[in-house]
Amino acid sequence: MAKSLSPKSRSKSVSKSKKSQGKSLQRWVVKLGTGILTTPEGRLDLEQIRKLVSQVARLRARGIQIILVSSGAIGGGMGILGLAKRPKAIEELQTCAAIGQPYLMSLYAELFGKHRMHVAQILLTYFDLDSRSLYANAQKTLSHILRLDKGSYVPIINENDVISHEEIKFGDNDQLSAHVAVMAKADRLIILSNVPGLTENSDGSGKAIAHVPKIDERILSLAGKTASERSVGGMITKLTAARIANGEGILMQIAHGRTTDVLVKIAKGDKIGTLFGELGELKGKI
């Protein structure tokens, strides 16, 4: 489990009251999990990534800024190296990330280029977000990228797996995406995974729970374990991410990333997956 960041290291400018100031939904952080970016064999799913990029472009045309937190570097490296199972040794994982990350970014650059959009890579570690100065630098850089060329640059963020050691790794991009949402002062955090949301049973069976206003012990008891060898997260890490985001007044949503036009449907207000957080004055905006 990743460490929780000290409130002192977060931006003082983010507050729960931000959401009640009449600001429409216009900045989303979207986390793409390994399970929806790779095939069962561990290779990057090119057609799936193409579909997701197309959706991001459509949302940008609707006036919604998108920041991607993308897994897939290790999974991409596994595919290139022909590995059927996720390695356990840290140096093997870091090798997969070193090989897979540039390939993943080149793929994003090519696909977004077809929509006349550009990509900007940001690799972060726990230390970057736990240090007040490094946090501030990352926040300023992210803000500047979003202002470039009328918002045609898409920040793509990942953990810097190549240099992150086991004891300081986030352990998953779910929690990283929540910290990025806080840093970016986002309106919504969307986690796209290979699960339809938080389900009624801890084994993943049953219907997805549409809305979770507050995470309590009953909700935590519904979290199971990840079933994929290519993924390191699970529902428990997503619930931790929800607590981080909701604590700063940011709604979080979990949805299945292979649902047709899932991001477009969410933008239209369709009820998909599980929404976390108190709606309050946001009720008319979702």
Foldseek 3Di string as FASTA:
>chain_A
DADDADPVQFDPPFAQCVVVPPDFAAEEEEEEFQQQQADLQLAGDLVLVLQVLVLQLVSVVVRHAYAYAYDRQLSNLCVVVRNRFRDDDLQNSLNSNVVRVVVVQVSSQVSLVVSVAGEDEDAAWLVLRNDNVSLVVVLVVVVVQCPPPVRRYHYYYYHNSNPYDPRGGRQACLQVSLSVCSSNVHQEYEYADQAQAQAPALVRDHDFDQEAADDDPVSLNSWHADPGRNHRDTVNSNVVSLCSNQNSNHKYFYGHSPDRSVVVCVCVVDRTYYIYHDCVVVVVND
